[in-house]
Amino acid sequence: MVIGRLELRLGIPAARSLKDKRRLVKSLVSRLQNRHNVSVAEVGDNDKWQACTLGVAVVSNRTDHADSQLAAVVKMVQREPELFIIDYGIEVN
């Protein structure tokens, strides 16, 4: 069993309140889960309007598959117009 982990630190300049942030993050989390069959949760920066840290996990039977799934998640997030990636890290064990 291979477990892949991705931590994404995001900037959300479009958010003007925590309500805006929650709307944007909830939409993104839902789309990531549906398109890439991964588990996603907000794991940090909960009280900041314009920042968010997401944790993404995938379980696979192959290292290359887990790595490609997480790379696809990063590419999808990079295409989001209302936010940007500050930093990210991928770990596959």
N, C-alpha and C. Protein backbone atom coordinates (compact mmCIF):
# COMPACT_ATOMS: atom_id res chain seq x y z
N MET A 1 0.85 -1.18 0.00
CA MET A 1 0.00 0.00 0.00
C MET A 1 0.90 1.23 0.00
N VAL A 2 0.56 2.18 -0.87
CA VAL A 2 1.29 3.44 -1.01
C VAL A 2 0.37 4.58 -0.61
N ILE A 3 0.88 5.46 0.23
CA ILE A 3 0.10 6.64 0.66
C ILE A 3 0.82 7.88 0.18
N GLY A 4 0.09 8.73 -0.54
CA GLY A 4 0.63 9.99 -1.01
C GLY A 4 0.01 11.14 -0.23
N ARG A 5 0.86 12.11 0.11
CA ARG A 5 0.41 13.25 0.91
C ARG A 5 0.86 14.54 0.22
N LEU A 6 -0.06 15.49 0.16
CA LEU A 6 0.21 16.80 -0.42
C LEU A 6 -0.25 17.86 0.55
N GLU A 7 0.62 18.82 0.83
CA GLU A 7 0.23 19.97 1.64
C GLU A 7 0.33 21.21 0.76
N LEU A 8 -0.79 21.91 0.63
CA LEU A 8 -0.89 23.10 -0.22
C LEU A 8 -1.14 24.33 0.64
N ARG A 9 -0.28 25.31 0.53
CA ARG A 9 -0.52 26.59 1.20
C ARG A 9 -0.98 27.55 0.12
N LEU A 10 -2.19 28.09 0.29
CA LEU A 10 -2.82 28.90 -0.74
C LEU A 10 -3.02 30.33 -0.29
N GLY A 11 -2.90 31.25 -1.24
CA GLY A 11 -3.28 32.64 -1.04
C GLY A 11 -4.62 32.86 -1.73
N ILE A 12 -5.51 33.60 -1.06
CA ILE A 12 -6.85 33.83 -1.60
C ILE A 12 -7.13 35.34 -1.60
N PRO A 13 -6.56 36.09 -2.53
CA PRO A 13 -6.74 37.55 -2.52
C PRO A 13 -8.18 37.99 -2.77
N ALA A 14 -8.99 37.14 -3.39
CA ALA A 14 -10.38 37.51 -3.69
C ALA A 14 -11.27 37.49 -2.45
N ALA A 15 -10.82 36.84 -1.38
CA ALA A 15 -11.63 36.73 -0.16
C ALA A 15 -11.61 38.05 0.61
N ARG A 16 -12.77 38.54 0.94
CA ARG A 16 -12.91 39.78 1.72
C ARG A 16 -13.41 39.51 3.13
N SER A 17 -13.71 38.24 3.42
CA SER A 17 -14.19 37.84 4.74
C SER A 17 -13.98 36.34 4.88
N LEU A 18 -14.16 35.84 6.09
CA LEU A 18 -14.07 34.39 6.29
C LEU A 18 -15.17 33.66 5.52
N LYS A 19 -16.31 34.33 5.35
CA LYS A 19 -17.41 33.73 4.58
C LYS A 19 -17.00 33.55 3.12
N ASP A 20 -16.35 34.54 2.52
CA ASP A 20 -15.84 34.42 1.16
C ASP A 20 -14.84 33.27 1.06
N LYS A 21 -13.92 33.23 2.02
CA LYS A 21 -12.91 32.18 2.02
C LYS A 21 -13.56 30.80 2.10
N ARG A 22 -14.50 30.62 3.02
CA ARG A 22 -15.16 29.32 3.17
C ARG A 22 -15.85 28.90 1.88
N ARG A 23 -16.50 29.86 1.21
CA ARG A 23 -17.19 29.55 -0.05
C ARG A 23 -16.19 29.05 -1.10
N LEU A 24 -15.07 29.75 -1.26
CA LEU A 24 -14.07 29.38 -2.25
C LEU A 24 -13.40 28.04 -1.91
N VAL A 25 -13.05 27.87 -0.65
CA VAL A 25 -12.36 26.64 -0.24
C VAL A 25 -13.29 25.44 -0.33
N LYS A 26 -14.52 25.60 0.11
CA LYS A 26 -15.48 24.48 0.05
C LYS A 26 -15.70 24.03 -1.39
N SER A 27 -15.81 24.98 -2.30
CA SER A 27 -15.99 24.66 -3.71
C SER A 27 -14.77 23.92 -4.26
N LEU A 28 -13.59 24.42 -3.94
CA LEU A 28 -12.36 23.78 -4.42
C LEU A 28 -12.23 22.37 -3.86
N VAL A 29 -12.45 22.19 -2.57
CA VAL A 29 -12.34 20.87 -1.94
C VAL A 29 -13.30 19.88 -2.60
N SER A 30 -14.51 20.30 -2.84
CA SER A 30 -15.50 19.42 -3.46
C SER A 30 -15.07 19.00 -4.87
N ARG A 31 -14.59 19.96 -5.66
CA ARG A 31 -14.16 19.65 -7.02
C ARG A 31 -12.95 18.73 -7.04
N LEU A 32 -11.99 18.96 -6.13
CA LEU A 32 -10.81 18.08 -6.05
C LEU A 32 -11.20 16.66 -5.70
N GLN A 33 -12.10 16.51 -4.73
CA GLN A 33 -12.54 15.18 -4.32
C GLN A 33 -13.25 14.46 -5.46
N ASN A 34 -14.11 15.16 -6.17
CA ASN A 34 -14.88 14.54 -7.25
C ASN A 34 -14.04 14.19 -8.46
N ARG A 35 -13.11 15.06 -8.85
CA ARG A 35 -12.34 14.83 -10.09
C ARG A 35 -11.15 13.91 -9.90
N HIS A 36 -10.56 13.90 -8.71
CA HIS A 36 -9.31 13.15 -8.53
C HIS A 36 -9.40 12.02 -7.52
N ASN A 37 -10.55 11.79 -6.93
CA ASN A 37 -10.75 10.70 -5.98
C ASN A 37 -9.71 10.73 -4.86
N VAL A 38 -9.55 11.90 -4.24
CA VAL A 38 -8.61 12.10 -3.14
C VAL A 38 -9.37 12.59 -1.91
N SER A 39 -8.74 12.47 -0.77
CA SER A 39 -9.29 13.04 0.46
C SER A 39 -8.66 14.42 0.66
N VAL A 40 -9.49 15.40 1.00
CA VAL A 40 -9.01 16.78 1.15
C VAL A 40 -9.62 17.37 2.42
N ALA A 41 -8.78 18.12 3.16
CA ALA A 41 -9.27 18.81 4.34
C ALA A 41 -8.47 20.10 4.53
N GLU A 42 -9.13 21.10 5.09
CA GLU A 42 -8.44 22.33 5.47
C GLU A 42 -7.71 22.04 6.77
N VAL A 43 -6.39 22.18 6.78
CA VAL A 43 -5.59 21.77 7.94
C VAL A 43 -4.85 22.92 8.61
N GLY A 44 -5.00 24.14 8.08
CA GLY A 44 -4.31 25.26 8.69
C GLY A 44 -4.83 26.58 8.19
N ASP A 45 -4.40 27.65 8.88
CA ASP A 45 -4.79 29.02 8.53
C ASP A 45 -6.31 29.19 8.57
N ASN A 46 -6.95 28.56 9.53
CA ASN A 46 -8.41 28.59 9.60
C ASN A 46 -8.98 29.97 9.86
N ASP A 47 -8.27 30.82 10.58
CA ASP A 47 -8.80 32.13 10.95
C ASP A 47 -8.30 33.26 10.05
N LYS A 48 -7.57 32.94 9.01
CA LYS A 48 -7.06 33.98 8.10
C LYS A 48 -7.97 34.07 6.88
N TRP A 49 -8.35 35.28 6.53
CA TRP A 49 -9.25 35.50 5.39
C TRP A 49 -8.62 35.11 4.07
N GLN A 50 -7.36 35.46 3.89
CA GLN A 50 -6.77 35.34 2.57
C GLN A 50 -5.67 34.27 2.49
N ALA A 51 -5.76 33.29 3.36
CA ALA A 51 -4.80 32.18 3.32
C ALA A 51 -5.50 30.89 3.73
N CYS A 52 -4.98 29.79 3.24
CA CYS A 52 -5.56 28.49 3.54
C CYS A 52 -4.47 27.43 3.36
N THR A 53 -4.49 26.43 4.21
CA THR A 53 -3.61 25.28 4.04
C THR A 53 -4.49 24.04 3.91
N LEU A 54 -4.32 23.34 2.78
CA LEU A 54 -5.08 22.13 2.53
C LEU A 54 -4.17 20.91 2.61
N GLY A 55 -4.69 19.84 3.18
CA GLY A 55 -4.02 18.56 3.16
C GLY A 55 -4.77 17.64 2.22
N VAL A 56 -4.03 16.97 1.34
CA VAL A 56 -4.61 16.07 0.34
C VAL A 56 -3.93 14.71 0.50
N ALA A 57 -4.74 13.65 0.50
CA ALA A 57 -4.18 12.30 0.62
C ALA A 57 -4.77 11.38 -0.43
N VAL A 58 -3.94 10.44 -0.88
CA VAL A 58 -4.38 9.43 -1.84
C VAL A 58 -3.74 8.10 -1.45
N VAL A 59 -4.49 7.03 -1.60
CA VAL A 59 -3.98 5.68 -1.34
C VAL A 59 -3.99 4.93 -2.66
N SER A 60 -2.89 4.24 -2.94
CA SER A 60 -2.76 3.53 -4.20
C SER A 60 -1.94 2.27 -3.98
N ASN A 61 -1.83 1.49 -5.03
CA ASN A 61 -0.96 0.32 -4.97
C ASN A 61 0.36 0.57 -5.70
N ARG A 62 0.51 1.76 -6.31
CA ARG A 62 1.74 2.09 -7.04
C ARG A 62 2.19 3.50 -6.68
N THR A 63 3.48 3.67 -6.50
CA THR A 63 4.06 4.96 -6.16
C THR A 63 3.85 5.97 -7.28
N ASP A 64 4.06 5.56 -8.53
CA ASP A 64 3.92 6.49 -9.65
C ASP A 64 2.48 6.97 -9.81
N HIS A 65 1.52 6.11 -9.52
CA HIS A 65 0.11 6.51 -9.61
C HIS A 65 -0.23 7.55 -8.55
N ALA A 66 0.20 7.32 -7.31
CA ALA A 66 -0.05 8.28 -6.23
C ALA A 66 0.59 9.62 -6.55
N ASP A 67 1.83 9.59 -7.04
CA ASP A 67 2.54 10.83 -7.38
C ASP A 67 1.84 11.57 -8.51
N SER A 68 1.37 10.86 -9.52
CA SER A 68 0.70 11.53 -10.65
C SER A 68 -0.66 12.10 -10.23
N GLN A 69 -1.36 11.41 -9.33
CA GLN A 69 -2.64 11.93 -8.82
C GLN A 69 -2.42 13.27 -8.10
N LEU A 70 -1.40 13.32 -7.24
CA LEU A 70 -1.13 14.54 -6.49
C LEU A 70 -0.62 15.66 -7.41
N ALA A 71 0.17 15.31 -8.42
CA ALA A 71 0.63 16.31 -9.38
C ALA A 71 -0.56 16.88 -10.16
N ALA A 72 -1.54 16.05 -10.48
CA ALA A 72 -2.75 16.52 -11.17
C ALA A 72 -3.55 17.47 -10.28
N VAL A 73 -3.58 17.22 -8.98
CA VAL A 73 -4.26 18.12 -8.05
C VAL A 73 -3.57 19.48 -8.06
N VAL A 74 -2.24 19.49 -8.01
CA VAL A 74 -1.49 20.75 -8.03
C VAL A 74 -1.79 21.52 -9.31
N LYS A 75 -1.80 20.84 -10.45
CA LYS A 75 -2.08 21.51 -11.73
C LYS A 75 -3.48 22.10 -11.75
N MET A 76 -4.44 21.38 -11.20
CA MET A 76 -5.81 21.90 -11.16
C MET A 76 -5.89 23.16 -10.30
N VAL A 77 -5.24 23.13 -9.16
CA VAL A 77 -5.26 24.30 -8.27
C VAL A 77 -4.55 25.48 -8.92
N GLN A 78 -3.49 25.23 -9.66
CA GLN A 78 -2.77 26.31 -10.34
C GLN A 78 -3.66 27.03 -11.36
N ARG A 79 -4.65 26.36 -11.89
CA ARG A 79 -5.55 26.96 -12.88
C ARG A 79 -6.70 27.75 -12.26
N GLU A 80 -6.81 27.73 -10.94
CA GLU A 80 -7.89 28.44 -10.26
C GLU A 80 -7.65 29.95 -10.34
N PRO A 81 -8.63 30.71 -10.83
CA PRO A 81 -8.42 32.15 -11.00
C PRO A 81 -8.48 32.97 -9.71
N GLU A 82 -9.13 32.48 -8.67
CA GLU A 82 -9.35 33.28 -7.48
C GLU A 82 -8.35 32.99 -6.36
N LEU A 83 -7.38 32.12 -6.62
CA LEU A 83 -6.38 31.82 -5.60
C LEU A 83 -5.07 31.44 -6.27
N PHE A 84 -4.01 31.39 -5.46
CA PHE A 84 -2.71 31.00 -5.99
C PHE A 84 -1.98 30.14 -4.96
N ILE A 85 -1.03 29.36 -5.44
CA ILE A 85 -0.26 28.49 -4.56
C ILE A 85 0.95 29.27 -4.03
N ILE A 86 1.04 29.36 -2.71
CA ILE A 86 2.20 29.98 -2.07
C ILE A 86 3.32 28.94 -1.99
N ASP A 87 2.97 27.74 -1.56
CA ASP A 87 3.96 26.68 -1.39
C ASP A 87 3.23 25.33 -1.39
N TYR A 88 3.94 24.28 -1.76
CA TYR A 88 3.35 22.94 -1.64
C TYR A 88 4.46 21.92 -1.48
N GLY A 89 4.09 20.78 -0.91
CA GLY A 89 5.03 19.68 -0.75
C GLY A 89 4.32 18.37 -0.96
N ILE A 90 4.98 17.46 -1.69
CA ILE A 90 4.43 16.14 -1.96
C ILE A 90 5.34 15.10 -1.31
N GLU A 91 4.72 14.14 -0.65
CA GLU A 91 5.45 13.03 -0.03
C GLU A 91 4.69 11.75 -0.35
N VAL A 92 5.40 10.78 -0.87
CA VAL A 92 4.79 9.48 -1.21
C VAL A 92 5.60 8.39 -0.50
N ASN A 93 4.90 7.60 0.30
CA ASN A 93 5.55 6.48 1.03
C ASN A 93 4.85 5.19 0.70
